Each structure stands twice: as structure tokens, then as C-alpha cells.
Amino acid sequence: MQEQLSILIQAQYPLIYLNTPEEERAERAIATITQFKPVRRMFTWTVTHGIVEYGQTTGAAQHNTESAEAALKWITRADQKDPAIYIFKDIHPFLDHPVTVRCLRDAVANFKGTQKTIILMSPIQVIPVELEKEIVVLDFPLPDIKAIEEVLDQQLGQIRTKKVSAETREKLVRATLGLTQDEAEKVYRKAQVTTGKLTEEEVEIVLSEKQQLIRRNGILEYIEDEEDLEAVGGLEELKHWLQQRSNAFSQRARNYGLPQPKGMLILGVPGCGKSLIAKTTARLWSLPLIRLDMGRVYDGSTVGKSEANLRNALKVAESISPMILFIDELDKAFAGGAGSADSDGGTSSRIFGTFLTWMQEKKSPVFVMATANRIEKLPGEFLRKGRFDELFFVDLPNGEERRDIFQIHLRKRRTELERFDLEQLSKVSDGFSGAEIEQAIVAAMYEAFAQDREFTQLDIISAVKSTTPLSRTMTEQVAALRDWARMRARPAATSVAEYQRMEF
């Protein structure tokens, strides 16, 4: 970005809008550009101090330049002939004033063909219609790996700690990506104050700072990953695929020549563990799991607000990468994307297009993990190769998988499993999903609790027999989903996958 900004300044662009919350780091970058020939002076303006030449104290501020209009008139005075860069900080609240906008346009006209440039620096982008043809907008990027490594080196130099390994350094640096330089310095100090050292164990403290960034966004939600893959019964083919990619975002994978994985779509029968897989993957890969709430994206208060919400959310997701972006029930989130002109003025279509473009062109290590139940409601564009690395189908659990699911849920609630016949429970629950098996156990526990006794095998069997599973109430839908997935999706269960490979 610094190179692009330098080109614009040397090409005599009179007005640049720089999006950034990092004023000091951006000022240092611009100060470097001022040393290129012709050498330029550099001034900063704030509403609190007025115009001050860079490097001088606020006591040397130009008199009566606190207002935006006065400052703009000062920089266009006849005696201001030297090449210069004028940085206006947080001027966006004043850009709805006609006088301020007129003064800016006058300054732009005055600076054309000269070595003078105005840079509007703000974390919020506000561009009046009158300036749209005159202004160039740039995003000042957050610190890259090299900049974060310098921050870490400075912090390590201030504390007495053992030399950290290259792997530990990489984890500490990557955990901090997405934070500003000031935030990175603070979180390293926080980890040092908390434990007195900076090692791999402090990665969790660093990641906690990212949760604050996500909470401030409002559309993204940080999900705590309390379960591991052992909490998922069956789905061995899917588990193996995930375990193979547990180090896919490491530098070792890049050196090997592997591309970064893009994402996966898990479709299947409701209640069969699709969302649980997403939560356990985050722990397996040691990456933060962030849920994109499409319900919060839609905002009908202002035209274009929904699209802006999505772009901002995706921008935040990229800034804290590597991470897993979780979209639950994708079929409901984008069900109306194909033709929404009559229902919502085309908002869903525009959001759908924005998301598709981002998935195709994103370079940042954001792994999109999406789940879906109704494949017929999913726009065909999502299923094209290149959007996702793999499409998995999660079917109802077979007998062995039901046995594992019973064992997992019973072990969570009781330590003595000898009194339960897991084989019998597996047989009587034929056609049940994992969620329905769990609820049968919960129902049996409620029945026994009401009678002030311990629940038994018979209580679970009774609860199972009194439940009509979804596979029976929606037989046609489940059958249609299976038929569609048989030749189009990869089975999540090993037994089915091996059978299809033999058949092929």
C-alpha cells in the first residue's frame, strides 16, 4: 500500500482518502514518502490543535486553524508554495457541512498540477457526492507478518525468557495477525504480565484479544470450541480429511507448495452432527471459529446497508485470519439469492453475489465451513468447483455409529456404562439421528428424575420407542437428499465411502 500511496503522491493526485485506525503507523509511512524527490514538508490537522508541522509539538500549531474551513483556507494561501502533504485526521464528521466541502473542492482545484496533496485519514469512510470524482480511496493494511515479528522481537527483548523456537514464534505471530500494531504490543505485554513469559502456552491469551475485535463487529460471533473430534460418533472419512489438513495453514505447508484450503460444504440430514463437526474442527486445527450470522447482515433501514454489513464482516474475518468462518444452514441464508428483486428489491441477490465473488477471489487464509439441509434450495453457483474444496454428505448413522453416539452421550452423564447394553440401544434406535439419540437419553433421565431414581436401559428404550424420528416423518425428503448426494457428494462415513470406491 505504501508503494501505491507513493505513486499517487508523485503523480500529483491532490486528494486521497486513507482508511485506517492506526494514525501513528500511517504517519510514519507517509513521512518516509516525503523524503522522495522532490522533498515535501508534512503537516497534520486535528480539530483539537489545528495545523502542526510533523515532528513539532502541538505548541507550534498554526494560529486559528482548529476549524476545518480555516485549516483548508490556510493550506491554500499564496505563501504556501513548497511541496507538501497535508494530513487531515478525522475530518469525516465535518464533511456534511457545505462550507467544508466547498473549501475542500477549492483546495483540490488549487493543488492540481502541484506537488501538494491532501490526505483525509479516518477509520470511517465518508465521501460526499461532490468529491466522488476527485478522490482516491485507499485502505491502509494492518501489520503483516514481518511487522508483527518486529513487535514480538521488541517485546522479547524487554523480558527475560528462553529463546523461543521457530514454531512457537510462528504461532505467536499468526495468533496476532489482524490486530493493529498497538493492539499487538498490548496483548504481548498482557501475556507477559499474566504468565511472566511468552511461549506457545500464551497463544490462548493472544487469541482472546481477537474476541474483542469480533464482539465490536456485531455481525460475527466467536464460538468457544469445547469439544474435540472424539465427541463426534462415526463420520471417519470426514474426520480423516480434516486431520490431513490440521497443519494446512502453517508455513511448512507453504514451503511444501500446498495451496491454502478454501472451505468445505457439509450437507445432510438434520441432527447428524454437521454443526458439531465445525466446532470440533476449530480445536483440531487450533484456529478461532467465527460464525457469520446472516440474520444480522440484513438491514433494511438504508439502501446498501446490508451489502456494507457483509463487506465489513468479511473484512474483519480476513483481518483476523487464519480462521474458520462458520455459516450454519447456508440453504436458509441464501435461499432467496437467485431471484429476490420482487421480494426485497434485489438485496438478497446482491449479497449473494458479493459473497460468491469474495469466496472465489479471497487470498487470505479464511476457511469457510458451511452446513446445509435442503440441497434443492441452495443456488447452483455454490456447488461449482473452486468455491469449496470438498462437498461431504452426512447420512443417518448406521448401527455401529449409533452405538458410538450412545456411548459418547452416556459417558458425558455417567461414568459406569456397564449397566447399559449399547448393542440393544443401537438396534432399537434404527433411523434415529445423533441429536434424536441425545434427546432420548435426556427424556429418559427426566422420567427417572421425576420418580427420584436412577435412569436405566428400559427408560432409554421407552423414550426411543415413544419418539418418531425425522427419517420417518420426512421419508421422501431424506430419500431425495440421499439420491442427490450419492453421485455428487463425498460420503462422510468410511463404510459408505469404501463401498462407493469399490463400486466405481
Protein backbone atom coordinates (compact mmCIF):
# COMPACT_ATOMS: atom_id res chain seq x y z
CA MET A 1 0.00 0.00 0.00
CA GLN A 2 2.87 2.39 0.81
CA GLU A 3 4.18 1.96 -2.74
CA GLN A 4 0.72 2.69 -4.19
CA LEU A 5 0.36 5.78 -1.99
CA SER A 6 3.81 6.97 -3.07
CA ILE A 7 2.86 6.60 -6.73
CA LEU A 8 -0.33 8.64 -6.25
CA ILE A 9 1.55 11.42 -4.46
CA GLN A 10 4.30 11.57 -7.07
CA ALA A 11 1.65 11.54 -9.80
CA GLN A 12 0.25 14.74 -8.22
CA TYR A 13 -3.10 13.35 -7.06
CA PRO A 14 -4.46 16.24 -4.97
CA LEU A 15 -6.93 14.33 -2.72
CA ILE A 16 -6.56 10.88 -1.13
CA TYR A 17 -8.78 9.21 1.46
CA LEU A 18 -6.86 6.81 3.72
CA ASN A 19 -8.94 4.33 5.74
CA THR A 20 -7.10 3.35 8.91
CA PRO A 21 -7.43 3.41 12.70
CA GLU A 22 -3.61 3.46 13.02
CA GLU A 23 -2.69 7.12 12.79
CA GLU A 24 0.88 6.88 14.06
CA ARG A 25 1.89 3.95 11.85
CA ALA A 26 0.28 5.58 8.80
CA GLU A 27 2.04 8.89 9.56
CA ARG A 28 5.41 7.14 9.71
CA ALA A 29 4.76 5.51 6.34
CA ILE A 30 3.78 8.85 4.79
CA ALA A 31 6.79 10.56 6.38
CA THR A 32 9.02 8.09 4.53
CA ILE A 33 7.38 9.10 1.24
CA THR A 34 8.06 12.80 1.89
CA GLN A 35 11.80 12.12 1.63
CA PHE A 36 11.50 11.14 -2.04
CA LYS A 37 12.37 13.87 -4.51
CA PRO A 38 11.02 16.46 -4.51
CA VAL A 39 11.28 16.52 -0.72
CA ARG A 40 7.95 17.55 0.79
CA ARG A 41 7.01 19.11 4.09
CA MET A 42 4.34 17.31 6.06
CA PHE A 43 1.58 18.84 8.17
CA THR A 44 -1.16 17.25 10.27
CA TRP A 45 -4.52 18.73 11.25
CA THR A 46 -6.79 17.84 14.16
CA VAL A 47 -9.84 19.67 15.41
CA THR A 48 -8.18 19.94 18.84
CA HIS A 49 -4.86 21.52 17.82
CA GLY A 50 -5.22 22.79 14.27
CA ILE A 51 -2.34 22.50 11.81
CA VAL A 52 1.03 21.31 13.14
CA GLU A 53 4.13 20.50 11.11
CA TYR A 54 5.11 16.85 11.51
CA GLY A 55 7.78 16.35 14.16
CA GLN A 56 6.94 19.53 16.07
CA THR A 57 5.00 19.83 19.31
CA THR A 58 1.38 20.93 19.43
CA GLY A 59 2.57 24.21 20.87
CA ALA A 60 3.85 25.11 17.41
CA ALA A 61 0.38 24.80 15.85
CA GLN A 62 -0.71 27.43 13.35
CA HIS A 63 -2.90 30.03 14.99
CA ASN A 64 -6.68 29.84 14.44
CA THR A 65 -6.64 26.68 12.29
CA GLU A 66 -8.73 24.45 14.56
CA SER A 67 -11.81 24.59 12.34
CA ALA A 68 -11.73 22.54 9.14
CA GLU A 69 -12.66 25.54 7.00
CA ALA A 70 -9.89 27.70 8.47
CA ALA A 71 -7.32 24.94 8.03
CA LEU A 72 -8.28 24.38 4.38
CA LYS A 73 -8.04 28.10 3.70
CA TRP A 74 -4.61 28.20 5.39
CA ILE A 75 -3.12 25.47 3.19
CA THR A 76 -4.25 27.27 0.01
CA ARG A 77 -2.73 30.64 0.96
CA ALA A 78 -0.46 32.23 -1.61
CA ASP A 79 2.59 31.97 0.67
CA GLN A 80 2.26 28.16 0.92
CA LYS A 81 4.29 27.31 -2.19
CA ASP A 82 6.56 24.47 -1.02
CA PRO A 83 5.77 20.86 -1.93
CA ALA A 84 3.81 19.45 0.96
CA ILE A 85 1.47 16.75 2.24
CA TYR A 86 -1.41 17.81 4.47
CA ILE A 87 -2.98 15.09 6.63
CA PHE A 88 -6.45 15.84 7.99
CA LYS A 89 -7.32 13.46 10.82
CA ASP A 90 -10.95 12.55 11.49
CA ILE A 91 -12.43 15.22 9.25
CA HIS A 92 -15.34 12.91 8.34
CA PRO A 93 -17.84 14.42 10.87
CA PHE A 94 -17.46 17.79 9.11
CA LEU A 95 -17.96 16.53 5.56
CA ASP A 96 -21.72 17.05 5.75
CA HIS A 97 -21.16 20.82 6.07
CA PRO A 98 -21.49 22.59 2.70
CA VAL A 99 -18.76 25.11 3.57
CA THR A 100 -16.24 22.38 4.43
CA VAL A 101 -16.96 20.51 1.21
CA ARG A 102 -16.65 23.72 -0.82
CA CYS A 103 -13.32 24.54 0.85
CA LEU A 104 -12.04 21.06 0.03
CA ARG A 105 -13.06 21.42 -3.60
CA ASP A 106 -11.33 24.80 -3.75
CA ALA A 107 -8.18 23.28 -2.29
CA VAL A 108 -8.26 20.40 -4.80
CA ALA A 109 -8.61 22.86 -7.67
CA ASN A 110 -5.73 24.90 -6.23
CA PHE A 111 -3.43 21.86 -5.86
CA LYS A 112 -3.89 20.42 -9.37
CA GLY A 113 -0.56 20.28 -11.18
CA THR A 114 1.42 21.00 -7.99
CA GLN A 115 3.44 18.89 -5.56
CA LYS A 116 0.79 19.27 -2.87
CA THR A 117 -1.53 16.52 -1.63
CA ILE A 118 -4.34 16.39 0.92
CA ILE A 119 -4.78 13.07 2.75
CA LEU A 120 -8.00 12.58 4.69
CA MET A 121 -7.16 9.98 7.37
CA SER A 122 -10.02 8.30 9.21
CA PRO A 123 -11.20 4.86 10.37
CA ILE A 124 -14.62 5.65 8.86
CA GLN A 125 -15.18 6.23 5.16
CA VAL A 126 -17.41 9.23 4.48
CA ILE A 127 -17.26 10.71 0.97
CA PRO A 128 -19.64 13.48 -0.09
CA VAL A 129 -21.15 13.16 -3.56
CA GLU A 130 -19.42 16.38 -4.60
CA LEU A 131 -15.98 14.79 -4.03
CA GLU A 132 -16.55 11.35 -5.56
CA LYS A 133 -14.87 12.28 -8.86
CA GLU A 134 -11.93 13.98 -7.18
CA ILE A 135 -10.90 11.47 -4.51
CA VAL A 136 -8.92 8.23 -4.42
CA VAL A 137 -9.70 5.80 -1.58
CA LEU A 138 -7.01 3.56 -0.08
CA ASP A 139 -7.13 1.09 2.80
CA PHE A 140 -4.06 1.19 4.99
CA PRO A 141 -3.47 -2.52 5.71
CA LEU A 142 -2.99 -3.96 9.16
CA PRO A 143 0.55 -5.04 10.09
CA ASP A 144 1.83 -8.01 8.08
CA ILE A 145 3.85 -10.93 9.43
CA LYS A 146 7.14 -9.03 9.16
CA ALA A 147 5.79 -6.05 11.13
CA ILE A 148 4.30 -8.32 13.82
CA GLU A 149 7.62 -10.19 14.09
CA GLU A 150 9.33 -6.86 14.81
CA VAL A 151 6.80 -6.15 17.57
CA LEU A 152 7.39 -9.62 19.05
CA ASP A 153 11.17 -9.17 18.90
CA GLN A 154 10.88 -5.85 20.75
CA GLN A 155 8.76 -7.46 23.46
CA LEU A 156 11.05 -10.48 23.79
CA GLY A 157 13.99 -8.13 24.14
CA GLN A 158 12.34 -6.46 27.13
CA ILE A 159 11.75 -9.65 29.13
CA ARG A 160 13.98 -12.44 30.33
CA THR A 161 12.80 -15.58 28.62
CA LYS A 162 14.29 -18.61 26.97
CA LYS A 163 14.87 -18.45 23.25
CA VAL A 164 11.61 -19.38 21.59
CA SER A 165 11.54 -21.94 18.80
CA ALA A 166 10.67 -21.06 15.22
CA GLU A 167 7.37 -22.94 15.54
CA THR A 168 6.43 -21.04 18.71
CA ARG A 169 7.32 -17.72 17.06
CA GLU A 170 5.11 -18.57 14.10
CA LYS A 171 2.15 -19.45 16.35
CA LEU A 172 2.54 -16.25 18.40
CA VAL A 173 2.83 -14.10 15.28
CA ARG A 174 -0.07 -15.73 13.42
CA ALA A 175 -2.27 -15.52 16.50
CA THR A 176 -1.73 -11.75 16.47
CA LEU A 177 -2.42 -11.18 12.78
CA GLY A 178 -5.48 -8.99 12.36
CA LEU A 179 -4.62 -6.72 15.29
CA THR A 180 -3.18 -3.25 14.95
CA GLN A 181 0.44 -2.68 15.92
CA ASP A 182 -0.67 -1.04 19.17
CA GLU A 183 -3.05 -3.92 19.94
CA ALA A 184 -0.26 -6.45 19.25
CA GLU A 185 2.09 -4.64 21.63
CA LYS A 186 -0.58 -4.56 24.33
CA VAL A 187 -1.56 -8.20 24.02
CA TYR A 188 2.07 -9.35 24.18
CA ARG A 189 2.50 -7.24 27.32
CA LYS A 190 -0.73 -8.73 28.70
CA ALA A 191 0.57 -12.26 28.14
CA GLN A 192 3.89 -11.34 29.74
CA VAL A 193 2.22 -9.77 32.80
CA THR A 194 -0.17 -12.72 33.15
CA THR A 195 2.40 -15.53 32.99
CA GLY A 196 5.76 -13.77 33.06
CA LYS A 197 6.81 -15.25 29.72
CA LEU A 198 5.99 -15.51 26.03
CA THR A 199 5.73 -19.12 24.90
CA GLU A 200 3.33 -21.31 22.94
CA GLU A 201 1.10 -21.55 26.04
CA GLU A 202 0.37 -17.82 25.78
CA VAL A 203 -1.25 -18.19 22.34
CA GLU A 204 -4.66 -18.53 24.03
CA ILE A 205 -4.18 -15.15 25.75
CA VAL A 206 -3.30 -13.59 22.42
CA LEU A 207 -6.34 -15.14 20.74
CA SER A 208 -8.60 -13.75 23.47
CA GLU A 209 -7.78 -10.25 22.21
CA LYS A 210 -9.28 -11.17 18.85
CA GLN A 211 -12.56 -11.95 20.58
CA GLN A 212 -12.83 -8.27 21.48
CA LEU A 213 -12.40 -7.35 17.81
CA ILE A 214 -15.18 -9.76 16.85
CA ARG A 215 -17.56 -8.55 19.58
CA ARG A 216 -17.16 -4.98 18.38
CA ASN A 217 -18.22 -6.04 14.87
CA GLY A 218 -21.70 -7.20 15.93
CA ILE A 219 -22.29 -9.48 12.90
CA LEU A 220 -19.62 -12.07 13.65
CA GLU A 221 -19.79 -14.30 16.70
CA TYR A 222 -16.86 -16.02 18.38
CA ILE A 223 -17.67 -19.65 19.22
CA GLU A 224 -15.82 -21.41 22.01
CA ASP A 225 -14.61 -24.84 20.90
CA GLU A 226 -15.06 -27.09 23.93
CA GLU A 227 -15.35 -30.42 22.08
CA ASP A 228 -12.79 -32.43 20.13
CA LEU A 229 -13.28 -34.94 17.33
CA GLU A 230 -13.78 -37.73 19.87
CA ALA A 231 -17.16 -36.15 20.65
CA VAL A 232 -18.34 -37.00 17.12
CA GLY A 233 -19.60 -40.52 16.56
CA GLY A 234 -18.76 -42.08 13.20
CA LEU A 235 -18.00 -39.91 10.13
CA GLU A 236 -14.49 -41.38 9.92
CA GLU A 237 -13.98 -40.37 6.27
CA LEU A 238 -14.73 -36.75 7.10
CA LYS A 239 -12.55 -36.87 10.22
CA HIS A 240 -9.64 -38.27 8.21
CA TRP A 241 -9.99 -35.46 5.65
CA LEU A 242 -9.87 -32.86 8.42
CA GLN A 243 -6.93 -34.48 10.23
CA GLN A 244 -4.91 -34.48 6.99
CA ARG A 245 -5.31 -30.70 6.84
CA SER A 246 -4.65 -29.91 10.50
CA ASN A 247 -1.39 -28.11 9.56
CA ALA A 248 -2.59 -26.77 6.22
CA PHE A 249 -2.17 -23.12 7.24
CA SER A 250 1.38 -23.48 8.55
CA GLN A 251 4.48 -22.08 6.86
CA ARG A 252 5.72 -25.65 6.44
CA ALA A 253 2.73 -26.34 4.18
CA ARG A 254 3.51 -23.21 2.14
CA ASN A 255 7.15 -24.28 1.76
CA TYR A 256 5.97 -27.69 0.62
CA GLY A 257 3.99 -25.99 -2.13
CA LEU A 258 0.48 -26.70 -0.84
CA PRO A 259 -2.26 -24.13 -1.50
CA GLN A 260 -4.32 -22.90 1.42
CA PRO A 261 -7.62 -24.81 1.76
CA LYS A 262 -10.67 -22.72 0.83
CA GLY A 263 -13.51 -24.44 2.61
CA MET A 264 -15.97 -27.29 2.74
CA LEU A 265 -19.74 -27.72 2.48
CA ILE A 266 -21.38 -30.33 4.69
CA LEU A 267 -24.91 -31.27 3.72
CA GLY A 268 -27.12 -33.96 5.14
CA VAL A 269 -29.99 -35.00 7.36
CA PRO A 270 -30.74 -32.55 10.22
CA GLY A 271 -29.32 -33.56 13.59
CA CYS A 272 -26.50 -35.74 12.30
CA GLY A 273 -23.54 -33.70 13.57
CA LYS A 274 -22.85 -31.16 10.80
CA SER A 275 -22.57 -28.18 13.17
CA LEU A 276 -20.65 -30.23 15.75
CA ILE A 277 -18.03 -31.08 13.13
CA ALA A 278 -17.44 -27.37 12.50
CA LYS A 279 -16.93 -26.70 16.20
CA THR A 280 -14.54 -29.61 16.70
CA THR A 281 -12.50 -28.70 13.61
CA ALA A 282 -11.54 -25.38 15.18
CA ARG A 283 -9.96 -27.20 18.11
CA LEU A 284 -8.27 -29.76 15.87
CA TRP A 285 -6.70 -27.03 13.74
CA SER A 286 -6.07 -24.63 16.67
CA LEU A 287 -7.88 -21.83 14.82
CA PRO A 288 -10.58 -19.43 16.04
CA LEU A 289 -14.12 -20.38 14.96
CA ILE A 290 -16.23 -17.37 13.91
CA ARG A 291 -19.89 -17.68 12.99
CA LEU A 292 -21.32 -15.36 10.34
CA ASP A 293 -24.89 -14.51 11.35
CA MET A 294 -26.67 -13.74 8.08
CA GLY A 295 -29.72 -12.53 10.01
CA ARG A 296 -27.67 -9.63 11.35
CA VAL A 297 -26.31 -8.82 7.91
CA TYR A 298 -29.71 -7.81 6.51
CA ASP A 299 -30.61 -4.22 7.36
CA GLY A 300 -33.44 -2.52 5.51
CA SER A 301 -33.01 0.87 7.17
CA THR A 302 -30.77 2.26 4.41
CA VAL A 303 -30.21 1.25 0.79
CA GLY A 304 -26.89 -0.59 0.56
CA LYS A 305 -26.58 -1.08 4.33
CA SER A 306 -26.91 -4.89 4.13
CA GLU A 307 -24.21 -5.16 1.49
CA ALA A 308 -21.94 -2.88 3.53
CA ASN A 309 -22.54 -5.05 6.61
CA LEU A 310 -21.43 -8.16 4.74
CA ARG A 311 -18.34 -6.47 3.27
CA ASN A 312 -17.32 -5.17 6.71
CA ALA A 313 -17.85 -8.58 8.30
CA LEU A 314 -15.74 -10.29 5.64
CA LYS A 315 -13.08 -7.63 6.03
CA VAL A 316 -12.90 -8.30 9.77
CA ALA A 317 -12.76 -12.05 9.09
CA GLU A 318 -9.82 -11.57 6.75
CA SER A 319 -8.05 -9.30 9.21
CA ILE A 320 -8.03 -11.98 11.93
CA SER A 321 -7.14 -14.89 9.64
CA PRO A 322 -6.13 -17.67 9.70
CA MET A 323 -9.53 -18.65 10.98
CA ILE A 324 -12.64 -20.76 10.27
CA LEU A 325 -15.71 -18.85 9.10
CA PHE A 326 -18.76 -20.91 10.02
CA ILE A 327 -22.08 -20.42 8.21
CA ASP A 328 -24.81 -22.65 9.62
CA GLU A 329 -27.75 -23.63 7.39
CA LEU A 330 -26.43 -22.00 4.26
CA ASP A 331 -29.54 -23.06 2.37
CA LYS A 332 -31.68 -20.74 4.52
CA ALA A 333 -29.19 -17.86 4.49
CA PHE A 334 -29.09 -17.64 0.67
CA ALA A 335 -32.35 -19.36 -0.30
CA GLY A 336 -33.69 -16.19 -1.98
CA GLY A 337 -30.45 -15.15 -3.59
CA ALA A 338 -31.28 -16.33 -7.09
CA GLY A 339 -34.23 -14.02 -7.64
CA SER A 340 -35.09 -11.55 -4.92
CA ALA A 341 -35.98 -8.50 -6.98
CA ASP A 342 -39.70 -8.81 -6.23
CA SER A 343 -39.36 -9.63 -2.51
CA ASP A 344 -36.63 -7.32 -1.22
CA GLY A 345 -35.56 -5.08 -4.09
CA GLY A 346 -32.70 -7.38 -5.04
CA THR A 347 -30.85 -7.11 -1.71
CA SER A 348 -30.50 -10.89 -1.32
CA SER A 349 -29.19 -11.19 -4.89
CA ARG A 350 -26.56 -8.52 -4.32
CA ILE A 351 -25.47 -10.07 -1.01
CA PHE A 352 -25.33 -13.49 -2.66
CA GLY A 353 -23.18 -12.09 -5.49
CA THR A 354 -20.86 -10.29 -3.08
CA PHE A 355 -20.31 -13.45 -1.06
CA LEU A 356 -19.70 -15.61 -4.14
CA THR A 357 -17.15 -13.15 -5.52
CA TRP A 358 -15.36 -13.00 -2.18
CA MET A 359 -15.19 -16.80 -1.93
CA GLN A 360 -13.73 -17.06 -5.41
CA GLU A 361 -11.15 -14.28 -5.12
CA LYS A 362 -10.11 -14.30 -1.45
CA LYS A 363 -6.40 -14.71 -0.86
CA SER A 364 -6.44 -14.61 2.93
CA PRO A 365 -6.42 -17.89 4.92
CA VAL A 366 -10.13 -17.92 5.79
CA PHE A 367 -11.56 -21.44 5.71
CA VAL A 368 -15.31 -21.31 5.00
CA MET A 369 -17.16 -24.18 6.67
CA ALA A 370 -20.84 -24.24 5.73
CA THR A 371 -23.69 -26.63 6.50
CA ALA A 372 -26.96 -27.22 4.62
CA ASN A 373 -30.04 -29.42 4.96
CA ARG A 374 -32.06 -28.73 1.78
CA ILE A 375 -29.90 -29.02 -1.29
CA GLU A 376 -32.73 -28.02 -3.66
CA LYS A 377 -32.87 -24.59 -2.00
CA LEU A 378 -29.16 -23.97 -2.45
CA PRO A 379 -28.18 -21.87 -5.51
CA GLY A 380 -26.22 -23.92 -8.01
CA GLU A 381 -23.34 -21.42 -8.00
CA PHE A 382 -22.29 -22.62 -4.55
CA LEU A 383 -21.68 -26.16 -5.79
CA ARG A 384 -19.24 -25.22 -8.54
CA LYS A 385 -15.69 -26.46 -8.07
CA GLY A 386 -13.46 -23.71 -6.74
CA ARG A 387 -15.94 -22.40 -4.16
CA PHE A 388 -15.31 -25.31 -1.76
CA ASP A 389 -12.52 -27.87 -1.62
CA GLU A 390 -14.93 -30.69 -0.86
CA LEU A 391 -18.65 -31.44 -0.56
CA PHE A 392 -19.47 -34.01 2.13
CA PHE A 393 -22.78 -35.77 2.73
CA VAL A 394 -23.67 -36.76 6.31
CA ASP A 395 -26.27 -39.52 6.34
CA LEU A 396 -28.17 -41.06 9.25
CA PRO A 397 -25.79 -43.08 11.47
CA ASN A 398 -25.55 -46.83 10.90
CA GLY A 399 -25.67 -49.40 13.69
CA GLU A 400 -22.02 -49.08 14.71
CA GLU A 401 -22.16 -45.28 14.62
CA ARG A 402 -25.35 -45.24 16.74
CA ARG A 403 -23.54 -47.40 19.27
CA ASP A 404 -20.68 -44.89 19.40
CA ILE A 405 -23.12 -41.98 19.76
CA PHE A 406 -24.89 -43.67 22.69
CA GLN A 407 -21.53 -44.31 24.31
CA ILE A 408 -20.42 -40.68 23.88
CA HIS A 409 -23.60 -39.17 25.36
CA LEU A 410 -23.88 -41.68 28.21
CA ARG A 411 -20.23 -41.15 29.16
CA LYS A 412 -20.87 -37.39 29.40
CA ARG A 413 -23.57 -38.04 32.02
CA ARG A 414 -22.48 -41.20 33.85
CA THR A 415 -19.16 -42.96 34.48
CA GLU A 416 -20.50 -46.52 34.81
CA LEU A 417 -21.56 -47.73 31.36
CA GLU A 418 -21.55 -51.44 32.19
CA ARG A 419 -25.26 -51.41 33.05
CA PHE A 420 -26.19 -50.26 29.53
CA ASP A 421 -26.43 -52.64 26.57
CA LEU A 422 -25.20 -50.42 23.75
CA GLU A 423 -25.87 -53.03 21.07
CA GLN A 424 -29.54 -53.26 22.04
CA LEU A 425 -29.85 -49.47 22.16
CA SER A 426 -28.31 -49.25 18.70
CA LYS A 427 -30.82 -51.74 17.26
CA VAL A 428 -33.97 -50.12 18.74
CA SER A 429 -32.87 -46.65 17.53
CA ASP A 430 -32.65 -47.56 13.84
CA GLY A 431 -33.36 -44.44 11.75
CA PHE A 432 -32.50 -42.02 14.57
CA SER A 433 -30.11 -39.10 14.13
CA GLY A 434 -27.43 -38.22 16.65
CA ALA A 435 -29.48 -35.34 18.03
CA GLU A 436 -32.53 -37.61 18.44
CA ILE A 437 -30.44 -40.19 20.30
CA GLU A 438 -29.22 -37.50 22.70
CA GLN A 439 -32.75 -36.26 23.31
CA ALA A 440 -33.94 -39.82 24.01
CA ILE A 441 -31.31 -40.10 26.74
CA VAL A 442 -32.34 -36.71 28.16
CA ALA A 443 -36.03 -37.75 28.12
CA ALA A 444 -35.17 -40.98 29.97
CA MET A 445 -33.25 -39.00 32.59
CA TYR A 446 -36.22 -36.65 33.12
CA GLU A 447 -38.56 -39.62 33.57
CA ALA A 448 -36.27 -41.20 36.19
CA PHE A 449 -35.54 -37.88 37.89
CA ALA A 450 -39.28 -37.23 38.36
CA GLN A 451 -39.52 -40.60 40.14
CA ASP A 452 -36.40 -39.90 42.24
CA ARG A 453 -34.38 -42.83 40.90
CA GLU A 454 -31.50 -43.58 38.53
CA PHE A 455 -32.39 -43.94 34.86
CA THR A 456 -31.99 -47.36 33.27
CA GLN A 457 -31.75 -49.15 29.95
CA LEU A 458 -35.54 -49.60 29.87
CA ASP A 459 -36.06 -45.85 30.33
CA ILE A 460 -33.95 -45.14 27.24
CA ILE A 461 -35.71 -47.83 25.19
CA SER A 462 -39.11 -46.44 26.25
CA ALA A 463 -38.04 -42.92 25.24
CA VAL A 464 -36.78 -44.19 21.87
CA LYS A 465 -40.00 -46.11 21.15
CA SER A 466 -42.15 -43.09 22.01
CA THR A 467 -40.24 -40.90 19.52
CA THR A 468 -40.94 -40.73 15.82
CA PRO A 469 -37.63 -39.86 14.12
CA LEU A 470 -37.32 -37.34 11.34
CA SER A 471 -36.36 -40.11 8.92
CA ARG A 472 -39.94 -41.42 9.15
CA THR A 473 -41.83 -38.13 9.25
CA MET A 474 -39.90 -36.79 6.25
CA THR A 475 -39.10 -40.02 4.40
CA GLU A 476 -39.43 -38.52 0.92
CA GLN A 477 -37.14 -35.58 1.68
CA VAL A 478 -34.44 -37.81 3.21
CA ALA A 479 -34.65 -40.22 0.25
CA ALA A 480 -34.37 -37.38 -2.26
CA LEU A 481 -31.33 -35.98 -0.44
CA ARG A 482 -29.65 -39.38 -0.45
CA ASP A 483 -30.32 -39.86 -4.17
CA TRP A 484 -28.86 -36.44 -4.98
CA ALA A 485 -25.76 -36.94 -2.80
CA ARG A 486 -24.98 -40.49 -3.96
CA MET A 487 -23.14 -39.38 -7.11
CA ARG A 488 -22.48 -35.74 -6.28
CA ALA A 489 -21.07 -35.63 -2.75
CA ARG A 490 -18.39 -37.46 -0.81
CA PRO A 491 -19.76 -39.70 1.98
CA ALA A 492 -18.70 -38.70 5.49
CA ALA A 493 -18.88 -42.33 6.72
CA THR A 494 -15.98 -44.66 5.89
CA SER A 495 -18.14 -47.73 5.18
CA VAL A 496 -20.18 -45.89 2.52
CA ALA A 497 -17.08 -44.28 1.00
CA GLU A 498 -15.28 -47.63 0.67
CA TYR A 499 -18.38 -49.23 -0.89
CA GLN A 500 -18.64 -46.45 -3.48
CA ARG A 501 -14.95 -46.75 -4.31
CA MET A 502 -15.34 -50.49 -4.86
CA GLU A 503 -18.45 -49.88 -6.97
CA PHE A 504 -16.55 -47.38 -9.10
